[in-house]
Amino acid sequence: MWKPFLWLLYFYLCVCVVLRILLLLNPLTTAHFSAVDYLKIFVEGAVTDALIFILIGILFWLYFLFLS
């Protein structure tokens, strides 16, 4: 039952990580980050992305629940 949601979560997190890497490597970015800053960016970003996905997943779950 939860397998499609887990696949969507993995896909969503992978897309967000790739997008975060692209934005950090953007040549227009003039800020310089330390290794700790990069770690914080990716960890905090993954946590917020997972929480947003949980909220969206609840809405999808309710939709599928009432659809059947």
PDB file of N, CA and C in Angstrom:
ATOM      1  N   MET A   1       0.820  -1.203   0.000  1.00  0.00           N
ATOM      2  CA  MET A   1       0.000   0.000   0.000  1.00  0.00           C
ATOM      3  C   MET A   1       0.864   1.267   0.000  1.00  0.00           C
ATOM      4  N   TRP A   2       1.966   1.233   0.735  1.00  0.00           N
ATOM      5  CA  TRP A   2       2.792   2.438   0.857  1.00  0.00           C
ATOM      6  C   TRP A   2       3.912   2.487  -0.168  1.00  0.00           C
ATOM      7  N   LYS A   3       4.093   1.424  -0.944  1.00  0.00           N
ATOM      8  CA  LYS A   3       5.214   1.371  -1.875  1.00  0.00           C
ATOM      9  C   LYS A   3       5.190   2.493  -2.919  1.00  0.00           C
ATOM     10  N   PRO A   4       4.031   2.836  -3.530  1.00  0.00           N
ATOM     11  CA  PRO A   4       4.046   3.955  -4.483  1.00  0.00           C
ATOM     12  C   PRO A   4       4.436   5.294  -3.841  1.00  0.00           C
ATOM     13  N   PHE A   5       4.016   5.485  -2.592  1.00  0.00           N
ATOM     14  CA  PHE A   5       4.381   6.724  -1.910  1.00  0.00           C
ATOM     15  C   PHE A   5       5.877   6.777  -1.618  1.00  0.00           C
ATOM     16  N   LEU A   6       6.460   5.625  -1.280  1.00  0.00           N
ATOM     17  CA  LEU A   6       7.903   5.597  -1.038  1.00  0.00           C
ATOM     18  C   LEU A   6       8.688   5.865  -2.317  1.00  0.00           C
ATOM     19  N   TRP A   7       8.233   5.307  -3.440  1.00  0.00           N
ATOM     20  CA  TRP A   7       8.904   5.578  -4.714  1.00  0.00           C
ATOM     21  C   TRP A   7       8.798   7.055  -5.081  1.00  0.00           C
ATOM     22  N   LEU A   8       7.632   7.639  -4.850  1.00  0.00           N
ATOM     23  CA  LEU A   8       7.478   9.069  -5.119  1.00  0.00           C
ATOM     24  C   LEU A   8       8.358   9.899  -4.196  1.00  0.00           C
ATOM     25  N   LEU A   9       8.483   9.485  -2.942  1.00  0.00           N
ATOM     26  CA  LEU A   9       9.351  10.196  -1.999  1.00  0.00           C
ATOM     27  C   LEU A   9      10.804  10.132  -2.459  1.00  0.00           C
ATOM     28  N   TYR A  10      11.272   8.945  -2.852  1.00  0.00           N
ATOM     29  CA  TYR A  10      12.654   8.820  -3.335  1.00  0.00           C
ATOM     30  C   TYR A  10      12.885   9.678  -4.573  1.00  0.00           C
ATOM     31  N   PHE A  11      11.947   9.636  -5.499  1.00  0.00           N
ATOM     32  CA  PHE A  11      12.078  10.431  -6.717  1.00  0.00           C
ATOM     33  C   PHE A  11      12.095  11.929  -6.383  1.00  0.00           C
ATOM     34  N   TYR A  12      11.187  12.360  -5.513  1.00  0.00           N
ATOM     35  CA  TYR A  12      11.104  13.772  -5.130  1.00  0.00           C
ATOM     36  C   TYR A  12      12.393  14.235  -4.451  1.00  0.00           C
ATOM     37  N   LEU A  13      12.914  13.406  -3.545  1.00  0.00           N
ATOM     38  CA  LEU A  13      14.151  13.785  -2.863  1.00  0.00           C
ATOM     39  C   LEU A  13      15.337  13.819  -3.824  1.00  0.00           C
ATOM     40  N   CYS A  14      15.394  12.894  -4.766  1.00  0.00           N
ATOM     41  CA  CYS A  14      16.482  12.902  -5.758  1.00  0.00           C
ATOM     42  C   CYS A  14      16.418  14.146  -6.634  1.00  0.00           C
ATOM     43  N   VAL A  15      15.231  14.505  -7.072  1.00  0.00           N
ATOM     44  CA  VAL A  15      15.079  15.713  -7.899  1.00  0.00           C
ATOM     45  C   VAL A  15      15.473  16.950  -7.097  1.00  0.00           C
ATOM     46  N   CYS A  16      15.088  17.004  -5.845  1.00  0.00           N
ATOM     47  CA  CYS A  16      15.432  18.167  -5.018  1.00  0.00           C
ATOM     48  C   CYS A  16      16.928  18.256  -4.765  1.00  0.00           C
ATOM     49  N   VAL A  17      17.584  17.121  -4.561  1.00  0.00           N
ATOM     50  CA  VAL A  17      19.041  17.127  -4.345  1.00  0.00           C
ATOM     51  C   VAL A  17      19.758  17.581  -5.608  1.00  0.00           C
ATOM     52  N   VAL A  18      19.342  17.071  -6.753  1.00  0.00           N
ATOM     53  CA  VAL A  18      19.969  17.482  -8.017  1.00  0.00           C
ATOM     54  C   VAL A  18      19.758  18.973  -8.257  1.00  0.00           C
ATOM     55  N   LEU A  19      18.557  19.455  -8.004  1.00  0.00           N
ATOM     56  CA  LEU A  19      18.284  20.880  -8.171  1.00  0.00           C
ATOM     57  C   LEU A  19      19.110  21.722  -7.204  1.00  0.00           C
ATOM     58  N   ARG A  20      19.259  21.251  -5.969  1.00  0.00           N
ATOM     59  CA  ARG A  20      20.058  21.978  -4.982  1.00  0.00           C
ATOM     60  C   ARG A  20      21.516  22.033  -5.423  1.00  0.00           C
ATOM     61  N   ILE A  21      22.041  20.940  -5.970  1.00  0.00           N
ATOM     62  CA  ILE A  21      23.431  20.917  -6.461  1.00  0.00           C
ATOM     63  C   ILE A  21      23.591  21.889  -7.625  1.00  0.00           C
ATOM     64  N   LEU A  22      22.644  21.859  -8.556  1.00  0.00           N
ATOM     65  CA  LEU A  22      22.732  22.773  -9.702  1.00  0.00           C
ATOM     66  C   LEU A  22      22.697  24.232  -9.265  1.00  0.00           C
ATOM     67  N   LEU A  23      21.855  24.538  -8.299  1.00  0.00           N
ATOM     68  CA  LEU A  23      21.779  25.928  -7.837  1.00  0.00           C
ATOM     69  C   LEU A  23      23.028  26.345  -7.065  1.00  0.00           C
ATOM     70  N   LEU A  24      23.645  25.414  -6.345  1.00  0.00           N
ATOM     71  CA  LEU A  24      24.883  25.745  -5.632  1.00  0.00           C
ATOM     72  C   LEU A  24      26.058  25.909  -6.590  1.00  0.00           C
ATOM     73  N   LEU A  25      26.040  25.174  -7.704  1.00  0.00           N
ATOM     74  CA  LEU A  25      27.131  25.262  -8.676  1.00  0.00           C
ATOM     75  C   LEU A  25      26.896  26.338  -9.741  1.00  0.00           C
ATOM     76  N   ASN A  26      25.822  27.073  -9.610  1.00  0.00           N
ATOM     77  CA  ASN A  26      25.503  28.136 -10.554  1.00  0.00           C
ATOM     78  C   ASN A  26      26.629  29.172 -10.555  1.00  0.00           C
ATOM     79  N   PRO A  27      27.156  29.519 -11.716  1.00  0.00           N
ATOM     80  CA  PRO A  27      28.276  30.475 -11.745  1.00  0.00           C
ATOM     81  C   PRO A  27      27.892  31.879 -11.274  1.00  0.00           C
ATOM     82  N   LEU A  28      26.617  32.184 -11.248  1.00  0.00           N
ATOM     83  CA  LEU A  28      26.206  33.503 -10.758  1.00  0.00           C
ATOM     84  C   LEU A  28      26.243  33.592  -9.239  1.00  0.00           C
ATOM     85  N   THR A  29      26.345  32.462  -8.561  1.00  0.00           N
ATOM     86  CA  THR A  29      26.424  32.456  -7.098  1.00  0.00           C
ATOM     87  C   THR A  29      27.818  32.898  -6.689  1.00  0.00           C
ATOM     88  N   THR A  30      27.881  33.994  -5.958  1.00  0.00           N
ATOM     89  CA  THR A  30      29.181  34.529  -5.554  1.00  0.00           C
ATOM     90  C   THR A  30      29.514  34.192  -4.107  1.00  0.00           C
ATOM     91  N   ALA A  31      28.602  33.529  -3.394  1.00  0.00           N
ATOM     92  CA  ALA A  31      28.872  33.162  -2.007  1.00  0.00           C
ATOM     93  C   ALA A  31      29.775  31.943  -1.955  1.00  0.00           C
ATOM     94  N   HIS A  32      30.575  31.874  -0.920  1.00  0.00           N
ATOM     95  CA  HIS A  32      31.459  30.738  -0.706  1.00  0.00           C
ATOM     96  C   HIS A  32      31.022  30.044   0.577  1.00  0.00           C
ATOM     97  N   PHE A  33      30.865  28.726   0.491  1.00  0.00           N
ATOM     98  CA  PHE A  33      30.382  27.956   1.623  1.00  0.00           C
ATOM     99  C   PHE A  33      31.465  27.010   2.105  1.00  0.00           C
ATOM    100  N   SER A  34      31.448  26.763   3.408  1.00  0.00           N
ATOM    101  CA  SER A  34      32.367  25.764   3.965  1.00  0.00           C
ATOM    102  C   SER A  34      31.710  24.391   3.874  1.00  0.00           C
ATOM    103  N   ALA A  35      32.458  23.364   4.245  1.00  0.00           N
ATOM    104  CA  ALA A  35      31.926  21.999   4.198  1.00  0.00           C
ATOM    105  C   ALA A  35      30.755  21.840   5.161  1.00  0.00           C
ATOM    106  N   VAL A  36      30.817  22.494   6.305  1.00  0.00           N
ATOM    107  CA  VAL A  36      29.715  22.430   7.274  1.00  0.00           C
ATOM    108  C   VAL A  36      28.472  23.102   6.703  1.00  0.00           C
ATOM    109  N   ASP A  37      28.655  24.199   5.993  1.00  0.00           N
ATOM    110  CA  ASP A  37      27.515  24.877   5.374  1.00  0.00           C
ATOM    111  C   ASP A  37      26.848  23.998   4.319  1.00  0.00           C
ATOM    112  N   TYR A  38      27.658  23.313   3.519  1.00  0.00           N
ATOM    113  CA  TYR A  38      27.088  22.394   2.521  1.00  0.00           C
ATOM    114  C   TYR A  38      26.317  21.272   3.194  1.00  0.00           C
ATOM    115  N   LEU A  39      26.876  20.740   4.271  1.00  0.00           N
ATOM    116  CA  LEU A  39      26.194  19.675   5.004  1.00  0.00           C
ATOM    117  C   LEU A  39      24.859  20.168   5.558  1.00  0.00           C
ATOM    118  N   LYS A  40      24.869  21.363   6.137  1.00  0.00           N
ATOM    119  CA  LYS A  40      23.623  21.928   6.670  1.00  0.00           C
ATOM    120  C   LYS A  40      22.606  22.181   5.563  1.00  0.00           C
ATOM    121  N   ILE A  41      23.054  22.656   4.417  1.00  0.00           N
ATOM    122  CA  ILE A  41      22.156  22.923   3.292  1.00  0.00           C
ATOM    123  C   ILE A  41      21.457  21.634   2.864  1.00  0.00           C
ATOM    124  N   PHE A  42      22.219  20.553   2.728  1.00  0.00           N
ATOM    125  CA  PHE A  42      21.633  19.305   2.246  1.00  0.00           C
ATOM    126  C   PHE A  42      20.793  18.600   3.307  1.00  0.00           C
ATOM    127  N   VAL A  43      21.215  18.625   4.561  1.00  0.00           N
ATOM    128  CA  VAL A  43      20.441  17.957   5.614  1.00  0.00           C
ATOM    129  C   VAL A  43      19.144  18.706   5.884  1.00  0.00           C
ATOM    130  N   GLU A  44      19.229  20.010   6.071  1.00  0.00           N
ATOM    131  CA  GLU A  44      18.014  20.789   6.336  1.00  0.00           C
ATOM    132  C   GLU A  44      17.086  20.787   5.119  1.00  0.00           C
ATOM    133  N   GLY A  45      17.661  20.802   3.936  1.00  0.00           N
ATOM    134  CA  GLY A  45      16.844  20.738   2.730  1.00  0.00           C
ATOM    135  C   GLY A  45      16.124  19.412   2.603  1.00  0.00           C
ATOM    136  N   ALA A  46      16.807  18.318   2.920  1.00  0.00           N
ATOM    137  CA  ALA A  46      16.173  16.997   2.849  1.00  0.00           C
ATOM    138  C   ALA A  46      15.062  16.863   3.875  1.00  0.00           C
ATOM    139  N   VAL A  47      15.263  17.419   5.060  1.00  0.00           N
ATOM    140  CA  VAL A  47      14.219  17.362   6.099  1.00  0.00           C
ATOM    141  C   VAL A  47      12.993  18.153   5.662  1.00  0.00           C
ATOM    142  N   THR A  48      13.180  19.363   5.171  1.00  0.00           N
ATOM    143  CA  THR A  48      12.026  20.161   4.747  1.00  0.00           C
ATOM    144  C   THR A  48      11.350  19.543   3.522  1.00  0.00           C
ATOM    145  N   ASP A  49      12.137  18.981   2.608  1.00  0.00           N
ATOM    146  CA  ASP A  49      11.536  18.314   1.441  1.00  0.00           C
ATOM    147  C   ASP A  49      10.705  17.114   1.870  1.00  0.00           C
ATOM    148  N   ALA A  50      11.201  16.336   2.840  1.00  0.00           N
ATOM    149  CA  ALA A  50      10.442  15.178   3.319  1.00  0.00           C
ATOM    150  C   ALA A  50       9.156  15.619   4.014  1.00  0.00           C
ATOM    151  N   LEU A  51       9.211  16.680   4.790  1.00  0.00           N
ATOM    152  CA  LEU A  51       8.003  17.168   5.463  1.00  0.00           C
ATOM    153  C   LEU A  51       6.974  17.686   4.463  1.00  0.00           C
ATOM    154  N   ILE A  52       7.420  18.381   3.454  1.00  0.00           N
ATOM    155  CA  ILE A  52       6.498  18.852   2.411  1.00  0.00           C
ATOM    156  C   ILE A  52       5.890  17.666   1.687  1.00  0.00           C
ATOM    157  N   PHE A  53       6.705  16.638   1.409  1.00  0.00           N
ATOM    158  CA  PHE A  53       6.166  15.456   0.742  1.00  0.00           C
ATOM    159  C   PHE A  53       5.146  14.742   1.621  1.00  0.00           C
ATOM    160  N   ILE A  54       5.363  14.718   2.931  1.00  0.00           N
ATOM    161  CA  ILE A  54       4.389  14.099   3.827  1.00  0.00           C
ATOM    162  C   ILE A  54       3.053  14.824   3.741  1.00  0.00           C
ATOM    163  N   LEU A  55       3.085  16.148   3.733  1.00  0.00           N
ATOM    164  CA  LEU A  55       1.831  16.910   3.609  1.00  0.00           C
ATOM    165  C   LEU A  55       1.140  16.624   2.280  1.00  0.00           C
ATOM    166  N   ILE A  56       1.894  16.607   1.207  1.00  0.00           N
ATOM    167  CA  ILE A  56       1.307  16.323  -0.107  1.00  0.00           C
ATOM    168  C   ILE A  56       0.833  14.866  -0.171  1.00  0.00           C
ATOM    169  N   GLY A  57       1.598  13.947   0.425  1.00  0.00           N
ATOM    170  CA  GLY A  57       1.217  12.543   0.441  1.00  0.00           C
ATOM    171  C   GLY A  57      -0.079  12.295   1.190  1.00  0.00           C
ATOM    172  N   ILE A  58      -0.305  13.040   2.277  1.00  0.00           N
ATOM    173  CA  ILE A  58      -1.566  12.921   3.018  1.00  0.00           C
ATOM    174  C   ILE A  58      -2.728  13.349   2.144  1.00  0.00           C
ATOM    175  N   LEU A  59      -2.554  14.422   1.400  1.00  0.00           N
ATOM    176  CA  LEU A  59      -3.627  14.871   0.507  1.00  0.00           C
ATOM    177  C   LEU A  59      -3.900  13.843  -0.583  1.00  0.00           C
ATOM    178  N   PHE A  60      -2.844  13.258  -1.175  1.00  0.00           N
ATOM    179  CA  PHE A  60      -3.032  12.200  -2.174  1.00  0.00           C
ATOM    180  C   PHE A  60      -3.715  10.981  -1.571  1.00  0.00           C
ATOM    181  N   TRP A  61      -3.304  10.607  -0.365  1.00  0.00           N
ATOM    182  CA  TRP A  61      -3.889   9.456   0.300  1.00  0.00           C
ATOM    183  C   TRP A  61      -5.388   9.672   0.537  1.00  0.00           C
ATOM    184  N   LEU A  62      -5.754  10.866   1.003  1.00  0.00           N
ATOM    185  CA  LEU A  62      -7.178  11.167   1.194  1.00  0.00           C
ATOM    186  C   LEU A  62      -7.924  11.146  -0.131  1.00  0.00           C
ATOM    187  N   TYR A  63      -7.319  11.648  -1.164  1.00  0.00           N
ATOM    188  CA  TYR A  63      -7.954  11.625  -2.489  1.00  0.00           C
ATOM    189  C   TYR A  63      -8.195  10.190  -2.953  1.00  0.00           C
ATOM    190  N   PHE A  64      -7.174   9.342  -2.829  1.00  0.00           N
ATOM    191  CA  PHE A  64      -7.328   7.949  -3.242  1.00  0.00           C
ATOM    192  C   PHE A  64      -8.298   7.190  -2.334  1.00  0.00           C
ATOM    193  N   LEU A  65      -8.365   7.575  -1.073  1.00  0.00           N
ATOM    194  CA  LEU A  65      -9.283   6.924  -0.151  1.00  0.00           C
ATOM    195  C   LEU A  65     -10.734   7.177  -0.541  1.00  0.00           C
ATOM    196  N   PHE A  66     -11.043   8.414  -0.878  1.00  0.00           N
ATOM    197  CA  PHE A  66     -12.406   8.755  -1.235  1.00  0.00           C
ATOM    198  C   PHE A  66     -12.737   8.462  -2.703  1.00  0.00           C
ATOM    199  N   LEU A  67     -11.726   8.179  -3.506  1.00  0.00           N
ATOM    200  CA  LEU A  67     -11.942   7.849  -4.897  1.00  0.00           C
ATOM    201  C   LEU A  67     -12.555   6.470  -5.055  1.00  0.00           C
ATOM    202  N   SER A  68     -12.178   5.560  -4.176  1.00  0.00           N
ATOM    203  CA  SER A  68     -12.666   4.181  -4.310  1.00  0.00           C
ATOM    204  C   SER A  68     -13.943   3.913  -3.566  1.00  0.00           C
TER     205      SER A  68
END
